[in-house]
Amino acid sequence: MQPEIEDLLKEYKDVFPTEFPDQLPPERDILNEIHLKPEAKPSNTAPLQLSKVERTALDKFVAEPIKKNWIKMSDSPWESNIFGVPKKDPVTGKFPSRVEKLHSNRPNMPIRWVINYRHINSVSDIAKIPLPHIEELFDRMNEAQLFSLLDLASGYHQMQITPTSRKYTAFRTNHEIYQ
């Protein structure tokens, strides 16, 4: 890495935290808001069946955002299901199948938790944001000397939504509903 870039990263190291803060991100001028279509109704689906390993992992996963006040218990009727998708096994480098995951007795099998917001997405008025064509982007970068990549870890935890929209983000575990 070039010394100038390294110096710049050191100068602004507070912008690149190594772990998440214990509170929500600061309020900014723009908060995200979920707008529903007039005919929108909550879905009514049963909780997904989880294995013992998944239930234990989900309880552990939910405990941290509760402790940090990122989520709270909810009575929202707009609940969505949460489920685990196996991450690549750090030992074997392979993705375990669902059957392997369900029958695994490894309590620390890596799992990526996903909330199924398909229903809420289907009844939301989603803003249309025009994106440039990839060819246009490549044309713009044609003479560039330096490229950078930014990956926001847990990006959804880095933006706030309006208090009135939070009920639409509710998700259900086997024990509780959170938002």
N, C-alpha and C. Protein backbone atom coordinates (compact mmCIF):
# COMPACT_ATOMS: atom_id res chain seq x y z
N MET A 1 0.85 -1.17 0.00
CA MET A 1 0.00 0.00 0.00
C MET A 1 0.90 1.24 0.00
N GLN A 2 0.49 2.23 -0.77
CA GLN A 2 1.28 3.45 -0.86
C GLN A 2 1.25 4.19 0.48
N PRO A 3 2.39 4.78 0.89
CA PRO A 3 2.45 5.46 2.19
C PRO A 3 1.41 6.58 2.35
N GLU A 4 1.10 7.30 1.26
CA GLU A 4 0.11 8.38 1.35
C GLU A 4 -1.27 7.85 1.71
N ILE A 5 -1.61 6.72 1.10
CA ILE A 5 -2.92 6.11 1.38
C ILE A 5 -2.94 5.57 2.80
N GLU A 6 -1.85 4.94 3.21
CA GLU A 6 -1.76 4.41 4.56
C GLU A 6 -1.89 5.54 5.59
N ASP A 7 -1.23 6.67 5.34
CA ASP A 7 -1.34 7.83 6.24
C ASP A 7 -2.77 8.35 6.31
N LEU A 8 -3.43 8.39 5.17
CA LEU A 8 -4.81 8.86 5.11
C LEU A 8 -5.74 7.94 5.90
N LEU A 9 -5.54 6.64 5.77
CA LEU A 9 -6.36 5.68 6.52
C LEU A 9 -6.12 5.81 8.02
N LYS A 10 -4.88 6.03 8.41
CA LYS A 10 -4.58 6.22 9.84
C LYS A 10 -5.22 7.49 10.37
N GLU A 11 -5.17 8.56 9.58
CA GLU A 11 -5.74 9.83 10.00
C GLU A 11 -7.25 9.72 10.24
N TYR A 12 -7.93 8.93 9.43
CA TYR A 12 -9.38 8.81 9.54
C TYR A 12 -9.81 7.43 10.04
N LYS A 13 -9.00 6.83 10.92
CA LYS A 13 -9.30 5.47 11.39
C LYS A 13 -10.63 5.39 12.14
N ASP A 14 -11.10 6.51 12.71
CA ASP A 14 -12.39 6.48 13.42
C ASP A 14 -13.57 6.28 12.47
N VAL A 15 -13.35 6.47 11.18
CA VAL A 15 -14.40 6.27 10.18
C VAL A 15 -14.55 4.78 9.86
N PHE A 16 -13.53 3.99 10.16
CA PHE A 16 -13.50 2.56 9.85
C PHE A 16 -13.43 1.74 11.14
N PRO A 17 -14.52 1.67 11.89
CA PRO A 17 -14.46 0.94 13.16
C PRO A 17 -14.26 -0.56 12.93
N THR A 18 -13.61 -1.19 13.89
CA THR A 18 -13.40 -2.64 13.80
C THR A 18 -14.56 -3.42 14.41
N GLU A 19 -15.36 -2.75 15.23
CA GLU A 19 -16.57 -3.37 15.75
C GLU A 19 -17.67 -2.32 15.83
N PHE A 20 -18.90 -2.80 15.91
CA PHE A 20 -20.03 -1.89 15.89
C PHE A 20 -20.22 -1.21 17.23
N PRO A 21 -20.70 0.02 17.22
CA PRO A 21 -20.94 0.73 18.48
C PRO A 21 -22.12 0.11 19.23
N ASP A 22 -22.24 0.50 20.49
CA ASP A 22 -23.31 -0.03 21.33
C ASP A 22 -24.60 0.76 21.23
N GLN A 23 -24.72 1.61 20.24
CA GLN A 23 -25.96 2.36 20.04
C GLN A 23 -26.25 2.45 18.55
N LEU A 24 -27.45 2.92 18.25
CA LEU A 24 -27.84 3.09 16.85
C LEU A 24 -26.97 4.17 16.21
N PRO A 25 -26.86 4.16 14.90
CA PRO A 25 -26.10 5.23 14.25
C PRO A 25 -26.76 6.58 14.50
N PRO A 26 -26.02 7.66 14.37
CA PRO A 26 -26.61 8.97 14.64
C PRO A 26 -27.72 9.28 13.64
N GLU A 27 -28.69 10.07 14.10
CA GLU A 27 -29.74 10.51 13.18
C GLU A 27 -29.15 11.48 12.18
N ARG A 28 -29.53 11.31 10.94
CA ARG A 28 -29.05 12.17 9.88
C ARG A 28 -30.23 12.94 9.29
N ASP A 29 -29.93 13.80 8.35
CA ASP A 29 -31.00 14.60 7.74
C ASP A 29 -32.04 13.74 7.05
N ILE A 30 -31.62 12.59 6.54
CA ILE A 30 -32.53 11.72 5.81
C ILE A 30 -32.65 10.39 6.55
N LEU A 31 -33.86 10.04 6.94
CA LEU A 31 -34.13 8.73 7.52
C LEU A 31 -34.88 7.92 6.47
N ASN A 32 -34.65 6.63 6.46
CA ASN A 32 -35.34 5.77 5.51
C ASN A 32 -36.76 5.52 6.00
N GLU A 33 -37.69 5.52 5.06
CA GLU A 33 -39.09 5.32 5.41
C GLU A 33 -39.70 4.28 4.48
N ILE A 34 -40.52 3.41 5.06
CA ILE A 34 -41.21 2.39 4.29
C ILE A 34 -42.63 2.89 4.02
N HIS A 35 -42.99 3.00 2.76
CA HIS A 35 -44.33 3.44 2.35
C HIS A 35 -45.09 2.23 1.82
N LEU A 36 -46.26 1.96 2.38
CA LEU A 36 -47.05 0.81 1.94
C LEU A 36 -48.11 1.24 0.94
N LYS A 37 -48.45 0.30 0.06
CA LYS A 37 -49.56 0.51 -0.87
C LYS A 37 -50.86 0.57 -0.05
N PRO A 38 -51.88 1.28 -0.53
CA PRO A 38 -53.13 1.44 0.25
C PRO A 38 -53.79 0.11 0.63
N GLU A 39 -53.69 -0.90 -0.23
CA GLU A 39 -54.37 -2.18 0.05
C GLU A 39 -53.52 -3.16 0.86
N ALA A 40 -52.38 -2.73 1.37
CA ALA A 40 -51.44 -3.61 2.07
C ALA A 40 -52.04 -4.20 3.34
N LYS A 41 -51.81 -5.50 3.52
CA LYS A 41 -52.23 -6.20 4.73
C LYS A 41 -51.06 -7.04 5.23
N PRO A 42 -50.96 -7.23 6.56
CA PRO A 42 -49.88 -8.08 7.08
C PRO A 42 -50.04 -9.51 6.59
N SER A 43 -48.92 -10.21 6.48
CA SER A 43 -48.98 -11.63 6.11
C SER A 43 -49.26 -12.44 7.36
N ASN A 44 -49.69 -13.65 7.17
CA ASN A 44 -50.00 -14.51 8.29
C ASN A 44 -49.38 -15.87 8.02
N THR A 45 -48.09 -16.00 8.31
CA THR A 45 -47.39 -17.25 8.06
C THR A 45 -46.88 -17.83 9.38
N ALA A 46 -46.79 -19.13 9.41
CA ALA A 46 -46.29 -19.81 10.60
C ALA A 46 -44.77 -19.64 10.70
N PRO A 47 -44.23 -19.66 11.92
CA PRO A 47 -42.77 -19.59 12.05
C PRO A 47 -42.12 -20.79 11.38
N LEU A 48 -40.93 -20.58 10.87
CA LEU A 48 -40.20 -21.68 10.24
C LEU A 48 -39.68 -22.63 11.30
N GLN A 49 -39.64 -23.91 10.96
CA GLN A 49 -39.10 -24.89 11.88
C GLN A 49 -37.58 -24.82 11.84
N LEU A 50 -36.97 -24.69 13.01
CA LEU A 50 -35.52 -24.62 13.11
C LEU A 50 -35.00 -25.79 13.91
N SER A 51 -33.82 -26.27 13.56
CA SER A 51 -33.19 -27.34 14.33
C SER A 51 -32.70 -26.78 15.67
N LYS A 52 -32.31 -27.67 16.57
CA LYS A 52 -31.80 -27.23 17.87
C LYS A 52 -30.57 -26.35 17.69
N VAL A 53 -29.68 -26.74 16.79
CA VAL A 53 -28.48 -25.96 16.52
C VAL A 53 -28.86 -24.57 16.02
N GLU A 54 -29.84 -24.51 15.11
CA GLU A 54 -30.28 -23.21 14.57
C GLU A 54 -30.93 -22.35 15.66
N ARG A 55 -31.76 -22.96 16.50
CA ARG A 55 -32.42 -22.19 17.57
C ARG A 55 -31.39 -21.59 18.52
N THR A 56 -30.39 -22.39 18.89
CA THR A 56 -29.34 -21.90 19.78
C THR A 56 -28.56 -20.77 19.12
N ALA A 57 -28.22 -20.96 17.85
CA ALA A 57 -27.47 -19.92 17.12
C ALA A 57 -28.31 -18.66 16.95
N LEU A 58 -29.61 -18.81 16.70
CA LEU A 58 -30.48 -17.65 16.54
C LEU A 58 -30.61 -16.88 17.85
N ASP A 59 -30.76 -17.60 18.96
CA ASP A 59 -30.83 -16.92 20.26
C ASP A 59 -29.56 -16.11 20.51
N LYS A 60 -28.42 -16.69 20.17
CA LYS A 60 -27.14 -15.99 20.34
C LYS A 60 -27.06 -14.78 19.40
N PHE A 61 -27.52 -14.95 18.17
CA PHE A 61 -27.49 -13.87 17.18
C PHE A 61 -28.36 -12.69 17.64
N VAL A 62 -29.55 -12.97 18.15
CA VAL A 62 -30.50 -11.93 18.55
C VAL A 62 -30.04 -11.23 19.84
N ALA A 63 -29.30 -11.93 20.70
CA ALA A 63 -28.89 -11.36 21.98
C ALA A 63 -28.04 -10.10 21.82
N GLU A 64 -27.15 -10.07 20.84
CA GLU A 64 -26.26 -8.91 20.70
C GLU A 64 -27.02 -7.65 20.28
N PRO A 65 -27.86 -7.67 19.22
CA PRO A 65 -28.58 -6.44 18.89
C PRO A 65 -29.57 -6.00 19.98
N ILE A 66 -30.06 -6.93 20.79
CA ILE A 66 -30.92 -6.54 21.91
C ILE A 66 -30.07 -5.78 22.93
N LYS A 67 -28.90 -6.33 23.25
CA LYS A 67 -28.00 -5.70 24.22
C LYS A 67 -27.59 -4.30 23.76
N LYS A 68 -27.42 -4.11 22.46
CA LYS A 68 -26.99 -2.82 21.91
C LYS A 68 -28.16 -1.89 21.61
N ASN A 69 -29.37 -2.32 21.94
CA ASN A 69 -30.58 -1.53 21.67
C ASN A 69 -30.81 -1.25 20.19
N TRP A 70 -30.36 -2.15 19.34
CA TRP A 70 -30.61 -2.02 17.90
C TRP A 70 -32.00 -2.55 17.57
N ILE A 71 -32.45 -3.55 18.34
CA ILE A 71 -33.79 -4.11 18.15
C ILE A 71 -34.47 -4.19 19.51
N LYS A 72 -35.78 -4.34 19.48
CA LYS A 72 -36.54 -4.48 20.72
C LYS A 72 -37.71 -5.42 20.45
N MET A 73 -38.33 -5.90 21.53
CA MET A 73 -39.50 -6.75 21.37
C MET A 73 -40.61 -5.95 20.71
N SER A 74 -41.47 -6.65 20.00
CA SER A 74 -42.49 -5.98 19.21
C SER A 74 -43.80 -6.75 19.27
N ASP A 75 -44.88 -6.05 19.03
CA ASP A 75 -46.18 -6.71 18.87
C ASP A 75 -46.74 -6.40 17.47
N SER A 76 -45.85 -6.06 16.55
CA SER A 76 -46.25 -5.70 15.20
C SER A 76 -46.88 -6.89 14.48
N PRO A 77 -47.98 -6.68 13.76
CA PRO A 77 -48.56 -7.75 12.96
C PRO A 77 -47.79 -7.97 11.65
N TRP A 78 -46.80 -7.14 11.37
CA TRP A 78 -46.07 -7.20 10.11
C TRP A 78 -44.83 -8.09 10.21
N GLU A 79 -44.89 -9.14 11.02
CA GLU A 79 -43.70 -9.94 11.23
C GLU A 79 -43.32 -10.76 10.00
N SER A 80 -42.02 -10.93 9.84
CA SER A 80 -41.46 -11.75 8.76
C SER A 80 -40.63 -12.86 9.40
N ASN A 81 -40.45 -13.95 8.65
CA ASN A 81 -39.66 -15.06 9.18
C ASN A 81 -38.17 -14.80 9.02
N ILE A 82 -37.42 -15.35 9.95
CA ILE A 82 -35.96 -15.31 9.88
C ILE A 82 -35.48 -16.74 9.74
N PHE A 83 -34.45 -16.94 8.93
CA PHE A 83 -33.92 -18.29 8.75
C PHE A 83 -32.41 -18.20 8.53
N GLY A 84 -31.75 -19.31 8.74
CA GLY A 84 -30.30 -19.35 8.60
C GLY A 84 -29.87 -19.97 7.29
N VAL A 85 -28.87 -19.36 6.69
CA VAL A 85 -28.25 -19.89 5.48
C VAL A 85 -26.82 -20.24 5.87
N PRO A 86 -26.39 -21.47 5.59
CA PRO A 86 -25.04 -21.83 6.00
C PRO A 86 -23.98 -20.99 5.30
N LYS A 87 -23.02 -20.52 6.08
CA LYS A 87 -21.86 -19.84 5.50
C LYS A 87 -20.84 -20.91 5.13
N LYS A 88 -19.86 -20.48 4.38
CA LYS A 88 -18.79 -21.41 4.00
C LYS A 88 -18.10 -21.91 5.26
N ASP A 89 -17.90 -23.22 5.35
CA ASP A 89 -17.23 -23.81 6.50
C ASP A 89 -15.77 -23.36 6.50
N PRO A 90 -15.30 -22.72 7.58
CA PRO A 90 -13.92 -22.23 7.59
C PRO A 90 -12.88 -23.36 7.57
N VAL A 91 -13.28 -24.56 7.97
CA VAL A 91 -12.35 -25.69 7.99
C VAL A 91 -12.25 -26.34 6.61
N THR A 92 -13.42 -26.66 6.02
CA THR A 92 -13.41 -27.39 4.74
C THR A 92 -13.44 -26.46 3.54
N GLY A 93 -13.90 -25.21 3.73
CA GLY A 93 -14.03 -24.28 2.61
C GLY A 93 -15.25 -24.55 1.75
N LYS A 94 -16.14 -25.44 2.20
CA LYS A 94 -17.34 -25.79 1.44
C LYS A 94 -18.58 -25.24 2.13
N PHE A 95 -19.66 -25.09 1.33
CA PHE A 95 -20.94 -24.70 1.89
C PHE A 95 -21.69 -25.96 2.28
N PRO A 96 -22.04 -26.14 3.57
CA PRO A 96 -22.80 -27.33 3.94
C PRO A 96 -24.22 -27.26 3.39
N SER A 97 -24.78 -28.41 3.08
CA SER A 97 -26.16 -28.45 2.61
C SER A 97 -27.10 -28.22 3.79
N ARG A 98 -28.35 -27.96 3.50
CA ARG A 98 -29.35 -27.76 4.56
C ARG A 98 -29.45 -29.01 5.43
N VAL A 99 -29.40 -30.19 4.82
CA VAL A 99 -29.48 -31.44 5.58
C VAL A 99 -28.29 -31.56 6.52
N GLU A 100 -27.09 -31.25 6.01
CA GLU A 100 -25.90 -31.30 6.87
C GLU A 100 -26.03 -30.31 8.02
N LYS A 101 -26.55 -29.13 7.72
CA LYS A 101 -26.70 -28.11 8.75
C LYS A 101 -27.71 -28.56 9.82
N LEU A 102 -28.84 -29.11 9.37
CA LEU A 102 -29.87 -29.54 10.31
C LEU A 102 -29.41 -30.67 11.21
N HIS A 103 -28.55 -31.53 10.69
CA HIS A 103 -28.11 -32.68 11.46
C HIS A 103 -26.76 -32.47 12.12
N SER A 104 -26.24 -31.28 12.01
CA SER A 104 -24.95 -30.99 12.62
C SER A 104 -25.11 -30.80 14.12
N ASN A 105 -24.17 -31.30 14.85
CA ASN A 105 -24.14 -31.06 16.29
C ASN A 105 -23.09 -30.01 16.64
N ARG A 106 -22.62 -29.30 15.61
CA ARG A 106 -21.61 -28.27 15.85
C ARG A 106 -22.32 -26.97 16.21
N PRO A 107 -22.25 -26.54 17.47
CA PRO A 107 -22.96 -25.34 17.88
C PRO A 107 -22.43 -24.06 17.25
N ASN A 108 -21.20 -24.06 16.77
CA ASN A 108 -20.68 -22.84 16.16
C ASN A 108 -20.53 -22.95 14.65
N MET A 109 -21.40 -23.76 14.02
CA MET A 109 -21.41 -23.80 12.56
C MET A 109 -21.79 -22.40 12.07
N PRO A 110 -21.01 -21.82 11.16
CA PRO A 110 -21.30 -20.44 10.74
C PRO A 110 -22.62 -20.34 9.96
N ILE A 111 -23.46 -19.41 10.41
CA ILE A 111 -24.78 -19.21 9.81
C ILE A 111 -24.97 -17.73 9.50
N ARG A 112 -25.48 -17.43 8.33
CA ARG A 112 -25.87 -16.06 7.97
C ARG A 112 -27.38 -15.98 8.15
N TRP A 113 -27.84 -15.06 9.00
CA TRP A 113 -29.27 -14.94 9.28
C TRP A 113 -29.91 -14.01 8.27
N VAL A 114 -31.02 -14.46 7.71
CA VAL A 114 -31.72 -13.74 6.65
C VAL A 114 -33.18 -13.55 7.07
N ILE A 115 -33.68 -12.34 6.93
CA ILE A 115 -35.09 -12.08 7.21
C ILE A 115 -35.82 -12.02 5.87
N ASN A 116 -36.86 -12.81 5.75
CA ASN A 116 -37.60 -12.91 4.50
C ASN A 116 -38.61 -11.77 4.40
N TYR A 117 -38.18 -10.68 3.79
CA TYR A 117 -39.04 -9.50 3.64
C TYR A 117 -39.78 -9.50 2.31
N ARG A 118 -39.95 -10.65 1.68
CA ARG A 118 -40.64 -10.66 0.38
C ARG A 118 -42.05 -10.10 0.46
N HIS A 119 -42.78 -10.44 1.52
CA HIS A 119 -44.16 -9.93 1.61
C HIS A 119 -44.16 -8.41 1.78
N ILE A 120 -43.39 -7.90 2.72
CA ILE A 120 -43.39 -6.45 2.95
C ILE A 120 -42.90 -5.72 1.70
N ASN A 121 -41.94 -6.31 0.98
CA ASN A 121 -41.48 -5.70 -0.27
C ASN A 121 -42.61 -5.67 -1.30
N SER A 122 -43.42 -6.73 -1.34
CA SER A 122 -44.48 -6.81 -2.34
C SER A 122 -45.61 -5.81 -2.09
N VAL A 123 -45.78 -5.36 -0.85
CA VAL A 123 -46.85 -4.40 -0.54
C VAL A 123 -46.30 -2.99 -0.29
N SER A 124 -45.02 -2.78 -0.57
CA SER A 124 -44.40 -1.47 -0.38
C SER A 124 -44.33 -0.72 -1.70
N ASP A 125 -44.47 0.59 -1.61
CA ASP A 125 -44.18 1.46 -2.75
C ASP A 125 -42.69 1.74 -2.71
N ILE A 126 -41.96 1.11 -3.59
CA ILE A 126 -40.50 1.24 -3.58
C ILE A 126 -40.09 2.30 -4.58
N ALA A 127 -39.29 3.24 -4.11
CA ALA A 127 -38.84 4.34 -4.97
C ALA A 127 -38.03 3.79 -6.14
N LYS A 128 -38.29 4.34 -7.30
CA LYS A 128 -37.54 3.96 -8.51
C LYS A 128 -36.32 4.87 -8.61
N ILE A 129 -35.16 4.29 -8.49
CA ILE A 129 -33.92 5.06 -8.57
C ILE A 129 -33.18 4.63 -9.82
N PRO A 130 -33.01 5.53 -10.78
CA PRO A 130 -32.34 5.15 -12.02
C PRO A 130 -30.85 4.88 -11.78
N LEU A 131 -30.39 3.76 -12.29
CA LEU A 131 -28.98 3.41 -12.19
C LEU A 131 -28.36 3.46 -13.57
N PRO A 132 -27.12 3.91 -13.68
CA PRO A 132 -26.48 3.95 -15.00
C PRO A 132 -26.18 2.54 -15.50
N HIS A 133 -26.08 2.40 -16.81
CA HIS A 133 -25.71 1.12 -17.40
C HIS A 133 -24.25 0.82 -17.07
N ILE A 134 -23.94 -0.45 -16.94
CA ILE A 134 -22.58 -0.85 -16.58
C ILE A 134 -21.57 -0.36 -17.61
N GLU A 135 -21.96 -0.36 -18.89
CA GLU A 135 -21.04 0.13 -19.93
C GLU A 135 -20.69 1.60 -19.71
N GLU A 136 -21.68 2.38 -19.30
CA GLU A 136 -21.44 3.80 -19.02
C GLU A 136 -20.46 3.96 -17.86
N LEU A 137 -20.62 3.13 -16.84
CA LEU A 137 -19.70 3.20 -15.70
C LEU A 137 -18.27 2.85 -16.13
N PHE A 138 -18.14 1.81 -16.95
CA PHE A 138 -16.80 1.45 -17.44
C PHE A 138 -16.20 2.56 -18.28
N ASP A 139 -17.03 3.21 -19.10
CA ASP A 139 -16.55 4.35 -19.89
C ASP A 139 -16.03 5.46 -18.99
N ARG A 140 -16.74 5.74 -17.92
CA ARG A 140 -16.32 6.79 -16.99
C ARG A 140 -15.00 6.45 -16.30
N MET A 141 -14.77 5.16 -16.07
CA MET A 141 -13.56 4.73 -15.36
C MET A 141 -12.38 4.51 -16.29
N ASN A 142 -12.58 4.72 -17.56
CA ASN A 142 -11.59 4.39 -18.58
C ASN A 142 -10.19 4.91 -18.28
N GLU A 143 -10.08 6.14 -17.85
CA GLU A 143 -8.76 6.73 -17.62
C GLU A 143 -8.41 6.84 -16.15
N ALA A 144 -9.16 6.18 -15.30
CA ALA A 144 -8.90 6.26 -13.86
C ALA A 144 -7.57 5.60 -13.51
N GLN A 145 -6.91 6.15 -12.52
CA GLN A 145 -5.62 5.64 -12.06
C GLN A 145 -5.77 4.83 -10.76
N LEU A 146 -6.82 5.12 -10.02
CA LEU A 146 -6.98 4.52 -8.71
C LEU A 146 -8.43 4.04 -8.56
N PHE A 147 -8.59 2.83 -8.07
CA PHE A 147 -9.92 2.27 -7.83
C PHE A 147 -10.00 1.89 -6.36
N SER A 148 -11.17 2.01 -5.79
CA SER A 148 -11.35 1.60 -4.40
C SER A 148 -12.65 0.81 -4.29
N LEU A 149 -12.74 0.08 -3.22
CA LEU A 149 -13.91 -0.75 -2.95
C LEU A 149 -14.32 -0.51 -1.51
N LEU A 150 -15.59 -0.37 -1.27
CA LEU A 150 -16.09 -0.16 0.08
C LEU A 150 -17.13 -1.23 0.36
N ASP A 151 -16.92 -1.97 1.43
CA ASP A 151 -17.86 -3.01 1.83
C ASP A 151 -18.35 -2.65 3.23
N LEU A 152 -19.61 -2.30 3.35
CA LEU A 152 -20.16 -1.95 4.65
C LEU A 152 -20.58 -3.22 5.38
N ALA A 153 -19.86 -3.56 6.42
CA ALA A 153 -20.23 -4.72 7.21
C ALA A 153 -21.58 -4.46 7.86
N SER A 154 -22.49 -5.41 7.73
CA SER A 154 -23.85 -5.25 8.28
C SER A 154 -24.43 -3.89 7.93
N GLY A 155 -24.43 -3.59 6.65
CA GLY A 155 -24.84 -2.28 6.16
C GLY A 155 -26.20 -1.82 6.64
N TYR A 156 -27.14 -2.75 6.83
CA TYR A 156 -28.47 -2.34 7.26
C TYR A 156 -28.47 -1.81 8.69
N HIS A 157 -27.43 -2.13 9.45
CA HIS A 157 -27.35 -1.61 10.82
C HIS A 157 -26.71 -0.23 10.84
N GLN A 158 -26.39 0.32 9.69
CA GLN A 158 -25.69 1.59 9.65
C GLN A 158 -26.57 2.73 9.15
N MET A 159 -27.85 2.47 9.06
CA MET A 159 -28.79 3.53 8.67
C MET A 159 -30.05 3.39 9.51
N GLN A 160 -30.66 4.50 9.83
CA GLN A 160 -31.88 4.46 10.63
C GLN A 160 -33.10 4.60 9.74
N ILE A 161 -34.20 4.04 10.24
CA ILE A 161 -35.48 4.23 9.55
C ILE A 161 -36.39 5.02 10.49
N THR A 162 -37.42 5.60 9.93
CA THR A 162 -38.32 6.41 10.74
C THR A 162 -38.99 5.54 11.81
N PRO A 163 -39.27 6.11 12.98
CA PRO A 163 -39.95 5.32 14.02
C PRO A 163 -41.26 4.70 13.55
N THR A 164 -42.00 5.37 12.67
CA THR A 164 -43.27 4.82 12.19
C THR A 164 -43.08 3.65 11.23
N SER A 165 -41.89 3.49 10.67
CA SER A 165 -41.63 2.39 9.73
C SER A 165 -41.05 1.16 10.41
N ARG A 166 -40.59 1.30 11.63
CA ARG A 166 -39.89 0.18 12.30
C ARG A 166 -40.77 -1.05 12.46
N LYS A 167 -42.08 -0.84 12.64
CA LYS A 167 -42.98 -1.99 12.82
C LYS A 167 -42.98 -2.90 11.59
N TYR A 168 -42.66 -2.37 10.42
CA TYR A 168 -42.65 -3.18 9.19
C TYR A 168 -41.41 -4.06 9.09
N THR A 169 -40.43 -3.82 9.95
CA THR A 169 -39.20 -4.62 9.92
C THR A 169 -39.24 -5.76 10.94
N ALA A 170 -40.39 -5.97 11.58
CA ALA A 170 -40.50 -6.99 12.62
C ALA A 170 -40.18 -8.38 12.05
N PHE A 171 -39.52 -9.18 12.88
CA PHE A 171 -39.25 -10.57 12.51
C PHE A 171 -39.54 -11.46 13.70
N ARG A 172 -39.86 -12.71 13.38
CA ARG A 172 -40.31 -13.66 14.38
C ARG A 172 -39.28 -14.76 14.58
N THR A 173 -38.93 -15.00 15.84
CA THR A 173 -38.14 -16.18 16.20
C THR A 173 -39.13 -17.19 16.77
N ASN A 174 -38.63 -18.30 17.27
CA ASN A 174 -39.54 -19.27 17.88
C ASN A 174 -40.11 -18.77 19.21
N HIS A 175 -39.44 -17.76 19.81
CA HIS A 175 -39.86 -17.29 21.13
C HIS A 175 -40.58 -15.95 21.10
N GLU A 176 -40.11 -15.03 20.26
CA GLU A 176 -40.56 -13.64 20.33
C GLU A 176 -40.66 -13.02 18.94
N ILE A 177 -41.22 -11.81 18.94
CA ILE A 177 -41.21 -10.96 17.75
C ILE A 177 -40.36 -9.74 18.10
N TYR A 178 -39.46 -9.36 17.20
CA TYR A 178 -38.58 -8.21 17.41
C TYR A 178 -38.71 -7.26 16.23
N GLN A 179 -38.35 -5.99 16.47
CA GLN A 179 -38.27 -5.02 15.37
C GLN A 179 -37.07 -4.12 15.60
